[in-house]
């Protein structure tokens, strides 16, 4: 069986649908699969348990360059 997930493309900001195989044999909760994004045609890595992108929920790129005083 497959299940659908929706994730936000980090390049375009568009919501994208993708199907994941539900029959992963005992995959750990932090396992990712590559998904071709139809919005930007790039590969994104999607968590097979949560449907979140690799790096999602972490400090954004604009925040990485800032130094704390």
PDB file of N, CA and C in Angstrom:
ATOM      1  N   UNK A   1       0.834  -1.188   0.000  1.00  0.00           N
ATOM      2  CA  UNK A   1       0.000   0.000   0.000  1.00  0.00           C
ATOM      3  C   UNK A   1       0.872   1.242   0.000  1.00  0.00           C
ATOM      4  N   UNK A   2       0.299   2.316  -0.482  1.00  0.00           N
ATOM      5  CA  UNK A   2       0.988   3.591  -0.467  1.00  0.00           C
ATOM      6  C   UNK A   2       0.151   4.602   0.299  1.00  0.00           C
ATOM      7  N   UNK A   3       0.846   5.585   0.860  1.00  0.00           N
ATOM      8  CA  UNK A   3       0.139   6.669   1.528  1.00  0.00           C
ATOM      9  C   UNK A   3       0.648   7.979   0.957  1.00  0.00           C
ATOM     10  N   UNK A   4      -0.233   8.964   0.941  1.00  0.00           N
ATOM     11  CA  UNK A   4       0.136  10.260   0.398  1.00  0.00           C
ATOM     12  C   UNK A   4       0.581  11.184   1.516  1.00  0.00           C
ATOM     13  N   UNK A   5       1.592  11.972   1.219  1.00  0.00           N
ATOM     14  CA  UNK A   5       2.033  13.006   2.139  1.00  0.00           C
ATOM     15  C   UNK A   5       2.058  14.318   1.363  1.00  0.00           C
ATOM     16  N   UNK A   6       2.019  15.407   2.086  1.00  0.00           N
ATOM     17  CA  UNK A   6       2.159  16.733   1.489  1.00  0.00           C
ATOM     18  C   UNK A   6       3.300  17.421   2.210  1.00  0.00           C
ATOM     19  N   UNK A   7       4.248  17.934   1.431  1.00  0.00           N
ATOM     20  CA  UNK A   7       5.338  18.703   2.024  1.00  0.00           C
ATOM     21  C   UNK A   7       5.493  20.002   1.262  1.00  0.00           C
ATOM     22  N   UNK A   8       6.133  20.981   1.886  1.00  0.00           N
ATOM     23  CA  UNK A   8       6.357  22.278   1.255  1.00  0.00           C
ATOM     24  C   UNK A   8       7.737  22.286   0.618  1.00  0.00           C
ATOM     25  N   UNK A   9       7.771  22.576  -0.679  1.00  0.00           N
ATOM     26  CA  UNK A   9       9.039  22.644  -1.400  1.00  0.00           C
ATOM     27  C   UNK A   9       9.845  23.819  -0.853  1.00  0.00           C
ATOM     28  N   UNK A  10      11.078  23.574  -0.402  1.00  0.00           N
ATOM     29  CA  UNK A  10      11.869  24.664   0.172  1.00  0.00           C
ATOM     30  C   UNK A  10      12.322  25.689  -0.867  1.00  0.00           C
ATOM     31  N   UNK A  11      12.322  25.329  -2.133  1.00  0.00           N
ATOM     32  CA  UNK A  11      12.745  26.271  -3.186  1.00  0.00           C
ATOM     33  C   UNK A  11      11.612  27.175  -3.648  1.00  0.00           C
ATOM     34  N   UNK A  12      10.419  26.605  -3.835  1.00  0.00           N
ATOM     35  CA  UNK A  12       9.311  27.369  -4.403  1.00  0.00           C
ATOM     36  C   UNK A  12       8.270  27.775  -3.370  1.00  0.00           C
ATOM     37  N   UNK A  13       8.233  27.079  -2.227  1.00  0.00           N
ATOM     38  CA  UNK A  13       7.217  27.357  -1.213  1.00  0.00           C
ATOM     39  C   UNK A  13       5.870  26.716  -1.523  1.00  0.00           C
ATOM     40  N   UNK A  14       5.796  25.948  -2.606  1.00  0.00           N
ATOM     41  CA  UNK A  14       4.540  25.300  -2.986  1.00  0.00           C
ATOM     42  C   UNK A  14       4.334  24.009  -2.197  1.00  0.00           C
ATOM     43  N   UNK A  15       3.069  23.678  -1.918  1.00  0.00           N
ATOM     44  CA  UNK A  15       2.745  22.396  -1.312  1.00  0.00           C
ATOM     45  C   UNK A  15       2.787  21.329  -2.393  1.00  0.00           C
ATOM     46  N   UNK A  16       3.451  20.220  -2.090  1.00  0.00           N
ATOM     47  CA  UNK A  16       3.676  19.152  -3.064  1.00  0.00           C
ATOM     48  C   UNK A  16       3.169  17.833  -2.493  1.00  0.00           C
ATOM     49  N   UNK A  17       2.441  17.065  -3.304  1.00  0.00           N
ATOM     50  CA  UNK A  17       1.986  15.739  -2.899  1.00  0.00           C
ATOM     51  C   UNK A  17       2.994  14.701  -3.362  1.00  0.00           C
ATOM     52  N   UNK A  18       3.186  13.683  -2.523  1.00  0.00           N
ATOM     53  CA  UNK A  18       4.077  12.584  -2.881  1.00  0.00           C
ATOM     54  C   UNK A  18       3.536  11.312  -2.247  1.00  0.00           C
ATOM     55  N   UNK A  19       3.742  10.195  -2.911  1.00  0.00           N
ATOM     56  CA  UNK A  19       3.309   8.898  -2.376  1.00  0.00           C
ATOM     57  C   UNK A  19       4.505   8.149  -1.813  1.00  0.00           C
ATOM     58  N   UNK A  20       4.314   7.596  -0.625  1.00  0.00           N
ATOM     59  CA  UNK A  20       5.340   6.784   0.025  1.00  0.00           C
ATOM     60  C   UNK A  20       4.835   5.362   0.155  1.00  0.00           C
ATOM     61  N   UNK A  21       5.721   4.394  -0.057  1.00  0.00           N
ATOM     62  CA  UNK A  21       5.363   3.003   0.183  1.00  0.00           C
ATOM     63  C   UNK A  21       5.180   2.800   1.671  1.00  0.00           C
ATOM     64  N   UNK A  22       4.066   2.199   2.048  1.00  0.00           N
ATOM     65  CA  UNK A  22       3.761   1.964   3.457  1.00  0.00           C
ATOM     66  C   UNK A  22       4.404   0.682   3.962  1.00  0.00           C
ATOM     67  N   UNK A  23       4.911  -0.149   3.082  1.00  0.00           N
ATOM     68  CA  UNK A  23       5.427  -1.448   3.464  1.00  0.00           C
ATOM     69  C   UNK A  23       6.907  -1.470   3.789  1.00  0.00           C
ATOM     70  N   UNK A  24       7.440  -0.424   4.403  1.00  0.00           N
ATOM     71  CA  UNK A  24       8.856  -0.411   4.783  1.00  0.00           C
ATOM     72  C   UNK A  24       9.072  -1.394   5.938  1.00  0.00           C
ATOM     73  N   UNK A  25       9.928  -2.381   5.781  1.00  0.00           N
ATOM     74  CA  UNK A  25      10.128  -3.388   6.825  1.00  0.00           C
ATOM     75  C   UNK A  25      10.935  -2.847   8.007  1.00  0.00           C
ATOM     76  N   UNK A  26      10.264  -2.511   9.067  1.00  0.00           N
ATOM     77  CA  UNK A  26      10.885  -2.097  10.337  1.00  0.00           C
ATOM     78  C   UNK A  26      11.918  -0.991  10.152  1.00  0.00           C
ATOM     79  N   UNK A  27      11.571   0.021   9.368  1.00  0.00           N
ATOM     80  CA  UNK A  27      12.486   1.149   9.159  1.00  0.00           C
ATOM     81  C   UNK A  27      12.515   2.010  10.415  1.00  0.00           C
ATOM     82  N   UNK A  28      13.689   2.511  10.786  1.00  0.00           N
ATOM     83  CA  UNK A  28      13.764   3.377  11.967  1.00  0.00           C
ATOM     84  C   UNK A  28      13.021   4.688  11.720  1.00  0.00           C
ATOM     85  N   UNK A  29      12.649   5.368  12.788  1.00  0.00           N
ATOM     86  CA  UNK A  29      11.882   6.605  12.687  1.00  0.00           C
ATOM     87  C   UNK A  29      12.622   7.745  12.033  1.00  0.00           C
ATOM     88  N   UNK A  30      13.940   7.620  11.904  1.00  0.00           N
ATOM     89  CA  UNK A  30      14.709   8.699  11.282  1.00  0.00           C
ATOM     90  C   UNK A  30      15.186   8.325   9.877  1.00  0.00           C
ATOM     91  N   UNK A  31      14.481   7.415   9.207  1.00  0.00           N
ATOM     92  CA  UNK A  31      14.850   7.005   7.852  1.00  0.00           C
ATOM     93  C   UNK A  31      14.220   7.960   6.834  1.00  0.00           C
ATOM     94  N   UNK A  32      14.989   8.310   5.809  1.00  0.00           N
ATOM     95  CA  UNK A  32      14.534   9.230   4.775  1.00  0.00           C
ATOM     96  C   UNK A  32      14.592   8.551   3.412  1.00  0.00           C
ATOM     97  N   UNK A  33      13.700   8.978   2.513  1.00  0.00           N
ATOM     98  CA  UNK A  33      13.721   8.532   1.124  1.00  0.00           C
ATOM     99  C   UNK A  33      13.830   9.767   0.242  1.00  0.00           C
ATOM    100  N   UNK A  34      14.395   9.591  -0.946  1.00  0.00           N
ATOM    101  CA  UNK A  34      14.476  10.717  -1.874  1.00  0.00           C
ATOM    102  C   UNK A  34      13.173  10.806  -2.661  1.00  0.00           C
ATOM    103  N   UNK A  35      12.727  12.033  -2.896  1.00  0.00           N
ATOM    104  CA  UNK A  35      11.497  12.271  -3.643  1.00  0.00           C
ATOM    105  C   UNK A  35      11.754  13.353  -4.683  1.00  0.00           C
ATOM    106  N   UNK A  36      11.398  13.079  -5.934  1.00  0.00           N
ATOM    107  CA  UNK A  36      11.528  14.073  -7.001  1.00  0.00           C
ATOM    108  C   UNK A  36      10.386  15.073  -6.846  1.00  0.00           C
ATOM    109  N   UNK A  37      10.720  16.338  -6.721  1.00  0.00           N
ATOM    110  CA  UNK A  37       9.733  17.396  -6.507  1.00  0.00           C
ATOM    111  C   UNK A  37       9.230  17.914  -7.855  1.00  0.00           C
ATOM    112  N   UNK A  38       7.918  17.832  -8.114  1.00  0.00           N
ATOM    113  CA  UNK A  38       7.400  18.342  -9.382  1.00  0.00           C
ATOM    114  C   UNK A  38       7.400  19.868  -9.465  1.00  0.00           C
ATOM    115  N   UNK A  39       7.527  20.546  -8.330  1.00  0.00           N
ATOM    116  CA  UNK A  39       7.525  22.010  -8.329  1.00  0.00           C
ATOM    117  C   UNK A  39       8.855  22.579  -8.809  1.00  0.00           C
ATOM    118  N   UNK A  40       9.978  21.970  -8.381  1.00  0.00           N
ATOM    119  CA  UNK A  40      11.295  22.505  -8.749  1.00  0.00           C
ATOM    120  C   UNK A  40      12.171  21.484  -9.469  1.00  0.00           C
ATOM    121  N   UNK A  41      11.687  20.259  -9.612  1.00  0.00           N
ATOM    122  CA  UNK A  41      12.393  19.169 -10.293  1.00  0.00           C
ATOM    123  C   UNK A  41      13.686  18.742  -9.587  1.00  0.00           C
ATOM    124  N   UNK A  42      13.849  19.085  -8.340  1.00  0.00           N
ATOM    125  CA  UNK A  42      15.019  18.668  -7.567  1.00  0.00           C
ATOM    126  C   UNK A  42      14.634  17.484  -6.681  1.00  0.00           C
ATOM    127  N   UNK A  43      15.639  16.873  -6.066  1.00  0.00           N
ATOM    128  CA  UNK A  43      15.395  15.805  -5.099  1.00  0.00           C
ATOM    129  C   UNK A  43      15.333  16.398  -3.704  1.00  0.00           C
ATOM    130  N   UNK A  44      14.342  15.960  -2.937  1.00  0.00           N
ATOM    131  CA  UNK A  44      14.240  16.325  -1.533  1.00  0.00           C
ATOM    132  C   UNK A  44      14.226  15.020  -0.746  1.00  0.00           C
ATOM    133  N   UNK A  45      14.677  15.062   0.487  1.00  0.00           N
ATOM    134  CA  UNK A  45      14.693  13.880   1.337  1.00  0.00           C
ATOM    135  C   UNK A  45      13.562  13.986   2.345  1.00  0.00           C
ATOM    136  N   UNK A  46      12.665  12.989   2.314  1.00  0.00           N
ATOM    137  CA  UNK A  46      11.450  12.995   3.108  1.00  0.00           C
ATOM    138  C   UNK A  46      11.521  11.890   4.152  1.00  0.00           C
ATOM    139  N   UNK A  47      11.197  12.222   5.403  1.00  0.00           N
ATOM    140  CA  UNK A  47      11.149  11.243   6.483  1.00  0.00           C
ATOM    141  C   UNK A  47       9.978  10.304   6.229  1.00  0.00           C
ATOM    142  N   UNK A  48      10.224   8.998   6.236  1.00  0.00           N
ATOM    143  CA  UNK A  48       9.166   8.043   5.901  1.00  0.00           C
ATOM    144  C   UNK A  48       8.117   7.904   7.001  1.00  0.00           C
ATOM    145  N   UNK A  49       8.439   8.346   8.213  1.00  0.00           N
ATOM    146  CA  UNK A  49       7.478   8.265   9.307  1.00  0.00           C
ATOM    147  C   UNK A  49       6.645   9.532   9.424  1.00  0.00           C
ATOM    148  N   UNK A  50       7.306  10.692   9.418  1.00  0.00           N
ATOM    149  CA  UNK A  50       6.615  11.959   9.655  1.00  0.00           C
ATOM    150  C   UNK A  50       6.216  12.695   8.387  1.00  0.00           C
ATOM    151  N   UNK A  51       6.896  12.421   7.270  1.00  0.00           N
ATOM    152  CA  UNK A  51       6.636  13.153   6.036  1.00  0.00           C
ATOM    153  C   UNK A  51       7.317  14.503   5.977  1.00  0.00           C
ATOM    154  N   UNK A  52       8.164  14.808   6.960  1.00  0.00           N
ATOM    155  CA  UNK A  52       8.876  16.084   6.974  1.00  0.00           C
ATOM    156  C   UNK A  52      10.163  15.976   6.170  1.00  0.00           C
ATOM    157  N   UNK A  53      10.611  17.118   5.664  1.00  0.00           N
ATOM    158  CA  UNK A  53      11.849  17.159   4.897  1.00  0.00           C
ATOM    159  C   UNK A  53      13.059  17.129   5.816  1.00  0.00           C
ATOM    160  N   UNK A  54      14.162  16.623   5.294  1.00  0.00           N
ATOM    161  CA  UNK A  54      15.415  16.613   6.036  1.00  0.00           C
ATOM    162  C   UNK A  54      15.805  18.057   6.337  1.00  0.00           C
ATOM    163  N   UNK A  55      16.028  18.368   7.595  1.00  0.00           N
ATOM    164  CA  UNK A  55      16.389  19.717   8.012  1.00  0.00           C
ATOM    165  C   UNK A  55      15.204  20.591   8.371  1.00  0.00           C
ATOM    166  N   UNK A  56      13.982  20.134   8.122  1.00  0.00           N
ATOM    167  CA  UNK A  56      12.802  20.926   8.453  1.00  0.00           C
ATOM    168  C   UNK A  56      12.660  21.026   9.962  1.00  0.00           C
ATOM    169  N   UNK A  57      12.358  22.198  10.451  1.00  0.00           N
ATOM    170  CA  UNK A  57      12.198  22.400  11.883  1.00  0.00           C
ATOM    171  C   UNK A  57      13.476  22.815  12.568  1.00  0.00           C
ATOM    172  N   UNK A  58      14.570  22.874  11.813  1.00  0.00           N
ATOM    173  CA  UNK A  58      15.833  23.346  12.369  1.00  0.00           C
ATOM    174  C   UNK A  58      15.987  24.822  12.050  1.00  0.00           C
ATOM    175  N   UNK A  59      17.060  25.422  12.522  1.00  0.00           N
ATOM    176  CA  UNK A  59      17.321  26.834  12.283  1.00  0.00           C
ATOM    177  C   UNK A  59      17.409  27.084  10.787  1.00  0.00           C
ATOM    178  N   UNK A  60      16.728  28.120  10.302  1.00  0.00           N
ATOM    179  CA  UNK A  60      16.718  28.446   8.881  1.00  0.00           C
ATOM    180  C   UNK A  60      18.063  28.934   8.397  1.00  0.00           C
ATOM    181  N   UNK A  61      18.251  28.932   7.086  1.00  0.00           N
ATOM    182  CA  UNK A  61      19.517  29.335   6.502  1.00  0.00           C
ATOM    183  C   UNK A  61      19.845  30.781   6.829  1.00  0.00           C
ATOM    184  N   UNK A  62      18.837  31.656   6.895  1.00  0.00           N
ATOM    185  CA  UNK A  62      19.104  33.056   7.182  1.00  0.00           C
ATOM    186  C   UNK A  62      19.604  33.241   8.611  1.00  0.00           C
ATOM    187  N   UNK A  63      19.240  32.338   9.504  1.00  0.00           N
ATOM    188  CA  UNK A  63      19.663  32.437  10.896  1.00  0.00           C
ATOM    189  C   UNK A  63      21.054  31.861  11.116  1.00  0.00           C
ATOM    190  N   UNK A  64      21.520  30.989  10.231  1.00  0.00           N
ATOM    191  CA  UNK A  64      22.807  30.326  10.424  1.00  0.00           C
ATOM    192  C   UNK A  64      23.969  31.303  10.362  1.00  0.00           C
ATOM    193  N   UNK A  65      23.854  32.314   9.512  1.00  0.00           N
ATOM    194  CA  UNK A  65      24.952  33.248   9.331  1.00  0.00           C
ATOM    195  C   UNK A  65      25.071  34.273  10.442  1.00  0.00           C
ATOM    196  N   UNK A  66      24.041  34.424  11.260  1.00  0.00           N
ATOM    197  CA  UNK A  66      24.065  35.427  12.328  1.00  0.00           C
ATOM    198  C   UNK A  66      24.866  34.918  13.514  1.00  0.00           C
ATOM    199  N   UNK A  67      25.599  35.825  14.119  1.00  0.00           N
ATOM    200  CA  UNK A  67      26.354  35.469  15.321  1.00  0.00           C
ATOM    201  C   UNK A  67      25.642  36.030  16.537  1.00  0.00           C
ATOM    202  N   UNK A  68      25.673  35.296  17.614  1.00  0.00           N
ATOM    203  CA  UNK A  68      25.091  35.817  18.850  1.00  0.00           C
ATOM    204  C   UNK A  68      26.128  36.678  19.550  1.00  0.00           C
ATOM    205  N   UNK A  69      25.681  37.799  20.059  1.00  0.00           N
ATOM    206  CA  UNK A  69      26.610  38.752  20.688  1.00  0.00           C
ATOM    207  C   UNK A  69      26.836  38.427  22.138  1.00  0.00           C
TER     208      UNK A  69
END
